[in-house]
């Protein structure tokens, strides 16, 4: 399954699997972060963590292979609604979140 995230500076495609793939138009790896977070029933953030990748995981500045963070609840018994978005620290730009 592919999800398209539109950012003000480019289009990101994400393949939903354990090592997600993002098409990231030329931005250095220290300027793109992959954020995962959860909201409660009042839309208050109750959890946040980041996908991890290294400079070696950035493929020709166009794709990033990364690992998802562990979920906050290790004893989860039913699906949880977690959101994912891309974040650019340089100017705090972020994509629209997509369900993960």
PDB file of N, CA and C in Angstrom:
ATOM      1  N   UNK A   1       0.857  -1.177   0.000  1.00  0.00           N
ATOM      2  CA  UNK A   1       0.000   0.000   0.000  1.00  0.00           C
ATOM      3  C   UNK A   1       0.896   1.230   0.000  1.00  0.00           C
ATOM      4  N   UNK A   2       0.565   2.197  -0.825  1.00  0.00           N
ATOM      5  CA  UNK A   2       1.317   3.441  -0.880  1.00  0.00           C
ATOM      6  C   UNK A   2       0.442   4.577  -0.382  1.00  0.00           C
ATOM      7  N   UNK A   3       1.045   5.473   0.361  1.00  0.00           N
ATOM      8  CA  UNK A   3       0.369   6.679   0.827  1.00  0.00           C
ATOM      9  C   UNK A   3       1.169   7.852   0.318  1.00  0.00           C
ATOM     10  N   UNK A   4       0.505   8.849  -0.208  1.00  0.00           N
ATOM     11  CA  UNK A   4       1.197  10.029  -0.712  1.00  0.00           C
ATOM     12  C   UNK A   4       1.028  11.155   0.299  1.00  0.00           C
ATOM     13  N   UNK A   5       2.143  11.739   0.711  1.00  0.00           N
ATOM     14  CA  UNK A   5       2.127  12.889   1.608  1.00  0.00           C
ATOM     15  C   UNK A   5       2.617  14.079   0.806  1.00  0.00           C
ATOM     16  N   UNK A   6       1.815  15.124   0.743  1.00  0.00           N
ATOM     17  CA  UNK A   6       2.199  16.332   0.018  1.00  0.00           C
ATOM     18  C   UNK A   6       2.796  17.325   1.012  1.00  0.00           C
ATOM     19  N   UNK A   7       4.033  17.719   0.765  1.00  0.00           N
ATOM     20  CA  UNK A   7       4.671  18.762   1.560  1.00  0.00           C
ATOM     21  C   UNK A   7       4.762  20.021   0.715  1.00  0.00           C
ATOM     22  N   UNK A   8       4.891  21.165   1.336  1.00  0.00           N
ATOM     23  CA  UNK A   8       5.030  22.394   0.554  1.00  0.00           C
ATOM     24  C   UNK A   8       6.211  22.358  -0.407  1.00  0.00           C
ATOM     25  N   UNK A   9       7.237  21.552  -0.107  1.00  0.00           N
ATOM     26  CA  UNK A   9       8.427  21.552  -0.946  1.00  0.00           C
ATOM     27  C   UNK A   9       8.537  20.352  -1.862  1.00  0.00           C
ATOM     28  N   UNK A  10       7.705  19.323  -1.711  1.00  0.00           N
ATOM     29  CA  UNK A  10       7.750  18.174  -2.616  1.00  0.00           C
ATOM     30  C   UNK A  10       6.675  17.155  -2.301  1.00  0.00           C
ATOM     31  N   UNK A  11       6.709  16.042  -3.010  1.00  0.00           N
ATOM     32  CA  UNK A  11       5.769  14.942  -2.815  1.00  0.00           C
ATOM     33  C   UNK A  11       6.526  13.772  -2.209  1.00  0.00           C
ATOM     34  N   UNK A  12       5.959  13.171  -1.205  1.00  0.00           N
ATOM     35  CA  UNK A  12       6.572  12.039  -0.525  1.00  0.00           C
ATOM     36  C   UNK A  12       5.684  10.822  -0.744  1.00  0.00           C
ATOM     37  N   UNK A  13       6.262   9.697  -1.135  1.00  0.00           N
ATOM     38  CA  UNK A  13       5.521   8.448  -1.208  1.00  0.00           C
ATOM     39  C   UNK A  13       6.059   7.510  -0.145  1.00  0.00           C
ATOM     40  N   UNK A  14       5.169   6.871   0.549  1.00  0.00           N
ATOM     41  CA  UNK A  14       5.566   5.998   1.646  1.00  0.00           C
ATOM     42  C   UNK A  14       5.011   4.603   1.398  1.00  0.00           C
ATOM     43  N   UNK A  15       5.877   3.627   1.394  1.00  0.00           N
ATOM     44  CA  UNK A  15       5.450   2.239   1.291  1.00  0.00           C
ATOM     45  C   UNK A  15       5.320   1.725   2.722  1.00  0.00           C
ATOM     46  N   UNK A  16       4.119   1.292   3.079  1.00  0.00           N
ATOM     47  CA  UNK A  16       3.860   0.892   4.461  1.00  0.00           C
ATOM     48  C   UNK A  16       4.323  -0.547   4.696  1.00  0.00           C
ATOM     49  N   UNK A  17       5.504  -0.687   5.268  1.00  0.00           N
ATOM     50  CA  UNK A  17       6.054  -1.969   5.688  1.00  0.00           C
ATOM     51  C   UNK A  17       7.057  -1.687   6.800  1.00  0.00           C
ATOM     52  N   UNK A  18       7.662  -2.708   7.417  1.00  0.00           N
ATOM     53  CA  UNK A  18       8.556  -2.433   8.550  1.00  0.00           C
ATOM     54  C   UNK A  18       9.705  -1.482   8.241  1.00  0.00           C
ATOM     55  N   UNK A  19      10.220  -1.488   7.037  1.00  0.00           N
ATOM     56  CA  UNK A  19      11.248  -0.520   6.646  1.00  0.00           C
ATOM     57  C   UNK A  19      10.644   0.381   5.588  1.00  0.00           C
ATOM     58  N   UNK A  20       9.958   1.401   6.036  1.00  0.00           N
ATOM     59  CA  UNK A  20       9.235   2.281   5.133  1.00  0.00           C
ATOM     60  C   UNK A  20      10.174   2.975   4.168  1.00  0.00           C
ATOM     61  N   UNK A  21       9.679   3.273   2.991  1.00  0.00           N
ATOM     62  CA  UNK A  21      10.463   3.988   1.995  1.00  0.00           C
ATOM     63  C   UNK A  21       9.774   5.312   1.719  1.00  0.00           C
ATOM     64  N   UNK A  22      10.514   6.394   1.806  1.00  0.00           N
ATOM     65  CA  UNK A  22      10.014   7.739   1.496  1.00  0.00           C
ATOM     66  C   UNK A  22      10.800   8.280   0.322  1.00  0.00           C
ATOM     67  N   UNK A  23      10.114   8.824  -0.652  1.00  0.00           N
ATOM     68  CA  UNK A  23      10.806   9.611  -1.670  1.00  0.00           C
ATOM     69  C   UNK A  23      10.986  10.996  -1.090  1.00  0.00           C
ATOM     70  N   UNK A  24      12.208  11.372  -0.830  1.00  0.00           N
ATOM     71  CA  UNK A  24      12.492  12.679  -0.247  1.00  0.00           C
ATOM     72  C   UNK A  24      13.322  13.451  -1.243  1.00  0.00           C
ATOM     73  N   UNK A  25      12.756  14.520  -1.775  1.00  0.00           N
ATOM     74  CA  UNK A  25      13.492  15.320  -2.741  1.00  0.00           C
ATOM     75  C   UNK A  25      14.712  15.885  -2.045  1.00  0.00           C
ATOM     76  N   UNK A  26      15.713  16.325  -2.781  1.00  0.00           N
ATOM     77  CA  UNK A  26      17.042  16.507  -2.188  1.00  0.00           C
ATOM     78  C   UNK A  26      17.084  17.335  -0.903  1.00  0.00           C
ATOM     79  N   UNK A  27      17.084  16.655   0.192  1.00  0.00           N
ATOM     80  CA  UNK A  27      17.253  17.267   1.512  1.00  0.00           C
ATOM     81  C   UNK A  27      18.191  16.377   2.297  1.00  0.00           C
ATOM     82  N   UNK A  28      19.163  16.923   2.977  1.00  0.00           N
ATOM     83  CA  UNK A  28      20.083  16.086   3.747  1.00  0.00           C
ATOM     84  C   UNK A  28      19.345  15.349   4.860  1.00  0.00           C
ATOM     85  N   UNK A  29      19.851  14.176   5.271  1.00  0.00           N
ATOM     86  CA  UNK A  29      19.145  13.377   6.273  1.00  0.00           C
ATOM     87  C   UNK A  29      18.970  14.080   7.608  1.00  0.00           C
ATOM     88  N   UNK A  30      19.832  15.027   7.936  1.00  0.00           N
ATOM     89  CA  UNK A  30      19.657  15.727   9.207  1.00  0.00           C
ATOM     90  C   UNK A  30      18.586  16.808   9.114  1.00  0.00           C
ATOM     91  N   UNK A  31      17.981  16.968   7.952  1.00  0.00           N
ATOM     92  CA  UNK A  31      16.933  17.972   7.797  1.00  0.00           C
ATOM     93  C   UNK A  31      15.573  17.353   7.492  1.00  0.00           C
ATOM     94  N   UNK A  32      15.436  16.054   7.604  1.00  0.00           N
ATOM     95  CA  UNK A  32      14.144  15.387   7.464  1.00  0.00           C
ATOM     96  C   UNK A  32      13.997  14.435   8.639  1.00  0.00           C
ATOM     97  N   UNK A  33      12.855  14.493   9.297  1.00  0.00           N
ATOM     98  CA  UNK A  33      12.552  13.561  10.376  1.00  0.00           C
ATOM     99  C   UNK A  33      11.194  12.939  10.084  1.00  0.00           C
ATOM    100  N   UNK A  34      11.011  11.715  10.558  1.00  0.00           N
ATOM    101  CA  UNK A  34       9.754  11.004  10.367  1.00  0.00           C
ATOM    102  C   UNK A  34       9.128  10.850  11.746  1.00  0.00           C
ATOM    103  N   UNK A  35       8.019  11.532  11.930  1.00  0.00           N
ATOM    104  CA  UNK A  35       7.392  11.624  13.256  1.00  0.00           C
ATOM    105  C   UNK A  35       6.186  10.694  13.335  1.00  0.00           C
ATOM    106  N   UNK A  36       6.085   9.955  14.431  1.00  0.00           N
ATOM    107  CA  UNK A  36       4.924   9.127  14.737  1.00  0.00           C
ATOM    108  C   UNK A  36       4.332   9.672  16.029  1.00  0.00           C
ATOM    109  N   UNK A  37       3.006   9.777  16.079  1.00  0.00           N
ATOM    110  CA  UNK A  37       2.394  10.294  17.309  1.00  0.00           C
ATOM    111  C   UNK A  37       0.964   9.800  17.442  1.00  0.00           C
ATOM    112  N   UNK A  38       0.434   9.943  18.655  1.00  0.00           N
ATOM    113  CA  UNK A  38      -0.919   9.499  18.965  1.00  0.00           C
ATOM    114  C   UNK A  38      -1.649  10.614  19.707  1.00  0.00           C
ATOM    115  N   UNK A  39      -2.933  10.762  19.388  1.00  0.00           N
ATOM    116  CA  UNK A  39      -3.787  11.751  20.044  1.00  0.00           C
ATOM    117  C   UNK A  39      -4.833  11.034  20.884  1.00  0.00           C
ATOM    118  N   UNK A  40      -5.257  11.673  21.967  1.00  0.00           N
ATOM    119  CA  UNK A  40      -6.349  11.108  22.754  1.00  0.00           C
ATOM    120  C   UNK A  40      -7.687  11.566  22.179  1.00  0.00           C
ATOM    121  N   UNK A  41      -8.761  11.236  22.860  1.00  0.00           N
ATOM    122  CA  UNK A  41     -10.106  11.577  22.358  1.00  0.00           C
ATOM    123  C   UNK A  41     -10.364  13.081  22.322  1.00  0.00           C
ATOM    124  N   UNK A  42      -9.505  13.870  22.964  1.00  0.00           N
ATOM    125  CA  UNK A  42      -9.638  15.330  22.954  1.00  0.00           C
ATOM    126  C   UNK A  42      -8.623  15.991  22.019  1.00  0.00           C
ATOM    127  N   UNK A  43      -8.011  15.187  21.162  1.00  0.00           N
ATOM    128  CA  UNK A  43      -6.985  15.650  20.214  1.00  0.00           C
ATOM    129  C   UNK A  43      -5.746  16.219  20.902  1.00  0.00           C
ATOM    130  N   UNK A  44      -5.472  15.750  22.103  1.00  0.00           N
ATOM    131  CA  UNK A  44      -4.245  16.115  22.806  1.00  0.00           C
ATOM    132  C   UNK A  44      -3.200  15.034  22.532  1.00  0.00           C
ATOM    133  N   UNK A  45      -1.988  15.450  22.231  1.00  0.00           N
ATOM    134  CA  UNK A  45      -0.935  14.480  21.948  1.00  0.00           C
ATOM    135  C   UNK A  45      -0.564  13.723  23.219  1.00  0.00           C
ATOM    136  N   UNK A  46      -0.583  12.392  23.138  1.00  0.00           N
ATOM    137  CA  UNK A  46      -0.243  11.570  24.302  1.00  0.00           C
ATOM    138  C   UNK A  46       1.023  10.745  24.079  1.00  0.00           C
ATOM    139  N   UNK A  47       1.523  10.712  22.857  1.00  0.00           N
ATOM    140  CA  UNK A  47       2.752   9.970  22.581  1.00  0.00           C
ATOM    141  C   UNK A  47       3.373  10.488  21.296  1.00  0.00           C
ATOM    142  N   UNK A  48       4.700  10.511  21.269  1.00  0.00           N
ATOM    143  CA  UNK A  48       5.445  10.891  20.071  1.00  0.00           C
ATOM    144  C   UNK A  48       6.775  10.158  20.067  1.00  0.00           C
ATOM    145  N   UNK A  49       7.189   9.722  18.895  1.00  0.00           N
ATOM    146  CA  UNK A  49       8.524   9.158  18.723  1.00  0.00           C
ATOM    147  C   UNK A  49       8.908   9.343  17.264  1.00  0.00           C
ATOM    148  N   UNK A  50      10.143   9.019  16.935  1.00  0.00           N
ATOM    149  CA  UNK A  50      10.681   9.309  15.609  1.00  0.00           C
ATOM    150  C   UNK A  50      11.172   8.042  14.930  1.00  0.00           C
ATOM    151  N   UNK A  51      10.945   7.963  13.621  1.00  0.00           N
ATOM    152  CA  UNK A  51      11.571   6.915  12.831  1.00  0.00           C
ATOM    153  C   UNK A  51      13.071   7.158  12.821  1.00  0.00           C
ATOM    154  N   UNK A  52      13.848   6.100  12.670  1.00  0.00           N
ATOM    155  CA  UNK A  52      15.302   6.251  12.692  1.00  0.00           C
ATOM    156  C   UNK A  52      15.910   5.834  11.362  1.00  0.00           C
ATOM    157  N   UNK A  53      16.931   6.575  10.965  1.00  0.00           N
ATOM    158  CA  UNK A  53      17.697   6.239   9.769  1.00  0.00           C
ATOM    159  C   UNK A  53      19.034   6.951   9.852  1.00  0.00           C
ATOM    160  N   UNK A  54      19.982   6.470   9.083  1.00  0.00           N
ATOM    161  CA  UNK A  54      21.312   7.081   9.054  1.00  0.00           C
ATOM    162  C   UNK A  54      21.561   7.662   7.668  1.00  0.00           C
ATOM    163  N   UNK A  55      22.666   8.345   7.532  1.00  0.00           N
ATOM    164  CA  UNK A  55      23.013   8.914   6.231  1.00  0.00           C
ATOM    165  C   UNK A  55      23.126   7.814   5.177  1.00  0.00           C
ATOM    166  N   UNK A  56      23.577   6.622   5.580  1.00  0.00           N
ATOM    167  CA  UNK A  56      23.697   5.495   4.648  1.00  0.00           C
ATOM    168  C   UNK A  56      22.335   5.010   4.160  1.00  0.00           C
ATOM    169  N   UNK A  57      21.253   5.328   4.894  1.00  0.00           N
ATOM    170  CA  UNK A  57      19.902   4.923   4.499  1.00  0.00           C
ATOM    171  C   UNK A  57      19.269   5.864   3.489  1.00  0.00           C
ATOM    172  N   UNK A  58      19.928   6.980   3.224  1.00  0.00           N
ATOM    173  CA  UNK A  58      19.419   7.940   2.243  1.00  0.00           C
ATOM    174  C   UNK A  58      19.972   7.540   0.886  1.00  0.00           C
ATOM    175  N   UNK A  59      19.085   7.191  -0.018  1.00  0.00           N
ATOM    176  CA  UNK A  59      19.473   6.681  -1.326  1.00  0.00           C
ATOM    177  C   UNK A  59      19.425   7.791  -2.365  1.00  0.00           C
ATOM    178  N   UNK A  60      20.587   8.275  -2.753  1.00  0.00           N
ATOM    179  CA  UNK A  60      20.715   9.318  -3.785  1.00  0.00           C
ATOM    180  C   UNK A  60      19.862  10.540  -3.472  1.00  0.00           C
ATOM    181  N   UNK A  61      19.637  10.829  -2.203  1.00  0.00           N
ATOM    182  CA  UNK A  61      18.840  11.986  -1.761  1.00  0.00           C
ATOM    183  C   UNK A  61      17.387  11.904  -2.229  1.00  0.00           C
ATOM    184  N   UNK A  62      16.923  10.742  -2.702  1.00  0.00           N
ATOM    185  CA  UNK A  62      15.547  10.615  -3.176  1.00  0.00           C
ATOM    186  C   UNK A  62      14.726   9.609  -2.383  1.00  0.00           C
ATOM    187  N   UNK A  63      15.348   8.736  -1.637  1.00  0.00           N
ATOM    188  CA  UNK A  63      14.602   7.746  -0.859  1.00  0.00           C
ATOM    189  C   UNK A  63      15.297   7.529   0.477  1.00  0.00           C
ATOM    190  N   UNK A  64      14.497   7.225   1.478  1.00  0.00           N
ATOM    191  CA  UNK A  64      15.032   6.927   2.804  1.00  0.00           C
ATOM    192  C   UNK A  64      14.416   5.613   3.271  1.00  0.00           C
ATOM    193  N   UNK A  65      15.257   4.674   3.655  1.00  0.00           N
ATOM    194  CA  UNK A  65      14.783   3.455   4.309  1.00  0.00           C
ATOM    195  C   UNK A  65      14.926   3.694   5.806  1.00  0.00           C
ATOM    196  N   UNK A  66      13.844   3.512   6.542  1.00  0.00           N
ATOM    197  CA  UNK A  66      13.938   3.783   7.975  1.00  0.00           C
ATOM    198  C   UNK A  66      13.106   2.804   8.774  1.00  0.00           C
ATOM    199  N   UNK A  67      13.377   2.755  10.069  1.00  0.00           N
ATOM    200  CA  UNK A  67      12.660   1.873  10.981  1.00  0.00           C
ATOM    201  C   UNK A  67      11.664   2.685  11.790  1.00  0.00           C
ATOM    202  N   UNK A  68      10.519   2.084  12.011  1.00  0.00           N
ATOM    203  CA  UNK A  68       9.510   2.732  12.837  1.00  0.00           C
ATOM    204  C   UNK A  68       9.909   2.607  14.310  1.00  0.00           C
ATOM    205  N   UNK A  69       9.479   3.557  15.134  1.00  0.00           N
ATOM    206  CA  UNK A  69       9.789   3.455  16.573  1.00  0.00           C
ATOM    207  C   UNK A  69       8.881   2.415  17.229  1.00  0.00           C
ATOM    208  N   UNK A  70       9.286   1.884  18.373  1.00  0.00           N
ATOM    209  CA  UNK A  70       8.388   0.978  19.098  1.00  0.00           C
ATOM    210  C   UNK A  70       7.196   1.764  19.639  1.00  0.00           C
ATOM    211  N   UNK A  71       6.044   1.125  19.650  1.00  0.00           N
ATOM    212  CA  UNK A  71       4.848   1.771  20.197  1.00  0.00           C
ATOM    213  C   UNK A  71       4.975   1.871  21.717  1.00  0.00           C
ATOM    214  N   UNK A  72       4.356   2.868  22.293  1.00  0.00           N
ATOM    215  CA  UNK A  72       4.483   3.148  23.733  1.00  0.00           C
ATOM    216  C   UNK A  72       3.958   2.013  24.606  1.00  0.00           C
ATOM    217  N   UNK A  73       2.949   1.293  24.138  1.00  0.00           N
ATOM    218  CA  UNK A  73       2.338   0.215  24.912  1.00  0.00           C
ATOM    219  C   UNK A  73       2.822  -1.126  24.360  1.00  0.00           C
ATOM    220  N   UNK A  74       3.677  -1.798  25.103  1.00  0.00           N
ATOM    221  CA  UNK A  74       4.221  -3.086  24.648  1.00  0.00           C
ATOM    222  C   UNK A  74       3.202  -4.218  24.759  1.00  0.00           C
ATOM    223  N   UNK A  75       2.131  -4.013  25.549  1.00  0.00           N
ATOM    224  CA  UNK A  75       1.114  -5.047  25.756  1.00  0.00           C
ATOM    225  C   UNK A  75      -0.184  -4.699  25.038  1.00  0.00           C
ATOM    226  N   UNK A  76      -0.085  -4.126  23.871  1.00  0.00           N
ATOM    227  CA  UNK A  76      -1.263  -3.703  23.127  1.00  0.00           C
ATOM    228  C   UNK A  76      -2.118  -4.920  22.753  1.00  0.00           C
ATOM    229  N   UNK A  77      -3.437  -4.802  22.919  1.00  0.00           N
ATOM    230  CA  UNK A  77      -4.339  -5.916  22.618  1.00  0.00           C
ATOM    231  C   UNK A  77      -5.294  -5.613  21.471  1.00  0.00           C
ATOM    232  N   UNK A  78      -5.337  -4.363  21.040  1.00  0.00           N
ATOM    233  CA  UNK A  78      -6.188  -3.993  19.905  1.00  0.00           C
ATOM    234  C   UNK A  78      -5.506  -2.872  19.130  1.00  0.00           C
ATOM    235  N   UNK A  79      -5.933  -2.660  17.891  1.00  0.00           N
ATOM    236  CA  UNK A  79      -5.271  -1.628  17.076  1.00  0.00           C
ATOM    237  C   UNK A  79      -5.327  -0.244  17.728  1.00  0.00           C
ATOM    238  N   UNK A  80      -4.272   0.508  17.535  1.00  0.00           N
ATOM    239  CA  UNK A  80      -4.197   1.888  18.020  1.00  0.00           C
ATOM    240  C   UNK A  80      -4.095   2.802  16.812  1.00  0.00           C
ATOM    241  N   UNK A  81      -4.655   3.994  16.915  1.00  0.00           N
ATOM    242  CA  UNK A  81      -4.573   4.957  15.823  1.00  0.00           C
ATOM    243  C   UNK A  81      -3.356   5.850  16.037  1.00  0.00           C
ATOM    244  N   UNK A  82      -2.325   5.594  15.255  1.00  0.00           N
ATOM    245  CA  UNK A  82      -1.091   6.372  15.305  1.00  0.00           C
ATOM    246  C   UNK A  82      -0.978   7.135  14.001  1.00  0.00           C
ATOM    247  N   UNK A  83      -0.520   8.361  14.083  1.00  0.00           N
ATOM    248  CA  UNK A  83      -0.343   9.191  12.895  1.00  0.00           C
ATOM    249  C   UNK A  83       1.136   9.319  12.575  1.00  0.00           C
ATOM    250  N   UNK A  84       1.404   9.563  11.314  1.00  0.00           N
ATOM    251  CA  UNK A  84       2.777   9.714  10.856  1.00  0.00           C
ATOM    252  C   UNK A  84       2.855  10.951   9.980  1.00  0.00           C
ATOM    253  N   UNK A  85       3.963  11.678  10.090  1.00  0.00           N
ATOM    254  CA  UNK A  85       4.181  12.833   9.228  1.00  0.00           C
ATOM    255  C   UNK A  85       5.675  13.085   9.088  1.00  0.00           C
ATOM    256  N   UNK A  86       6.017  13.818   8.059  1.00  0.00           N
ATOM    257  CA  UNK A  86       7.401  14.225   7.863  1.00  0.00           C
ATOM    258  C   UNK A  86       7.591  15.611   8.449  1.00  0.00           C
ATOM    259  N   UNK A  87       8.764  15.846   8.982  1.00  0.00           N
ATOM    260  CA  UNK A  87       9.059  17.102   9.650  1.00  0.00           C
ATOM    261  C   UNK A  87      10.423  17.588   9.182  1.00  0.00           C
ATOM    262  N   UNK A  88      10.502  18.868   8.843  1.00  0.00           N
ATOM    263  CA  UNK A  88      11.759  19.478   8.410  1.00  0.00           C
ATOM    264  C   UNK A  88      12.202  20.455   9.496  1.00  0.00           C
ATOM    265  N   UNK A  89      13.207  20.082  10.313  1.00  0.00           N
ATOM    266  CA  UNK A  89      13.624  20.920  11.443  1.00  0.00           C
ATOM    267  C   UNK A  89      14.076  22.325  11.061  1.00  0.00           C
ATOM    268  N   UNK A  90      14.697  22.471   9.906  1.00  0.00           N
ATOM    269  CA  UNK A  90      15.259  23.776   9.525  1.00  0.00           C
ATOM    270  C   UNK A  90      14.227  24.891   9.637  1.00  0.00           C
ATOM    271  N   UNK A  91      13.025  24.638   9.143  1.00  0.00           N
ATOM    272  CA  UNK A  91      12.001  25.686   9.167  1.00  0.00           C
ATOM    273  C   UNK A  91      10.704  25.230   9.834  1.00  0.00           C
ATOM    274  N   UNK A  92      10.750  24.071  10.490  1.00  0.00           N
ATOM    275  CA  UNK A  92       9.601  23.518  11.219  1.00  0.00           C
ATOM    276  C   UNK A  92       8.428  23.167  10.297  1.00  0.00           C
ATOM    277  N   UNK A  93       8.689  22.996   9.021  1.00  0.00           N
ATOM    278  CA  UNK A  93       7.657  22.601   8.065  1.00  0.00           C
ATOM    279  C   UNK A  93       7.286  21.140   8.317  1.00  0.00           C
ATOM    280  N   UNK A  94       6.006  20.823   8.217  1.00  0.00           N
ATOM    281  CA  UNK A  94       5.581  19.439   8.405  1.00  0.00           C
ATOM    282  C   UNK A  94       4.494  19.086   7.407  1.00  0.00           C
ATOM    283  N   UNK A  95       4.440  17.799   7.069  1.00  0.00           N
ATOM    284  CA  UNK A  95       3.418  17.318   6.149  1.00  0.00           C
ATOM    285  C   UNK A  95       2.097  17.165   6.893  1.00  0.00           C
ATOM    286  N   UNK A  96       1.037  16.970   6.131  1.00  0.00           N
ATOM    287  CA  UNK A  96      -0.226  16.575   6.742  1.00  0.00           C
ATOM    288  C   UNK A  96      -0.020  15.177   7.319  1.00  0.00           C
ATOM    289  N   UNK A  97      -0.559  14.886   8.484  1.00  0.00           N
ATOM    290  CA  UNK A  97      -0.395  13.542   9.038  1.00  0.00           C
ATOM    291  C   UNK A  97      -1.234  12.530   8.266  1.00  0.00           C
ATOM    292  N   UNK A  98      -0.753  11.296   8.251  1.00  0.00           N
ATOM    293  CA  UNK A  98      -1.508  10.187   7.668  1.00  0.00           C
ATOM    294  C   UNK A  98      -1.595   9.091   8.723  1.00  0.00           C
ATOM    295  N   UNK A  99      -2.706   8.350   8.751  1.00  0.00           N
ATOM    296  CA  UNK A  99      -2.809   7.233   9.699  1.00  0.00           C
ATOM    297  C   UNK A  99      -1.759   6.178   9.378  1.00  0.00           C
ATOM    298  N   UNK A 100      -1.203   5.589  10.418  1.00  0.00           N
ATOM    299  CA  UNK A 100      -0.216   4.534  10.229  1.00  0.00           C
ATOM    300  C   UNK A 100      -0.745   3.252  10.839  1.00  0.00           C
TER     301      UNK A 100
END
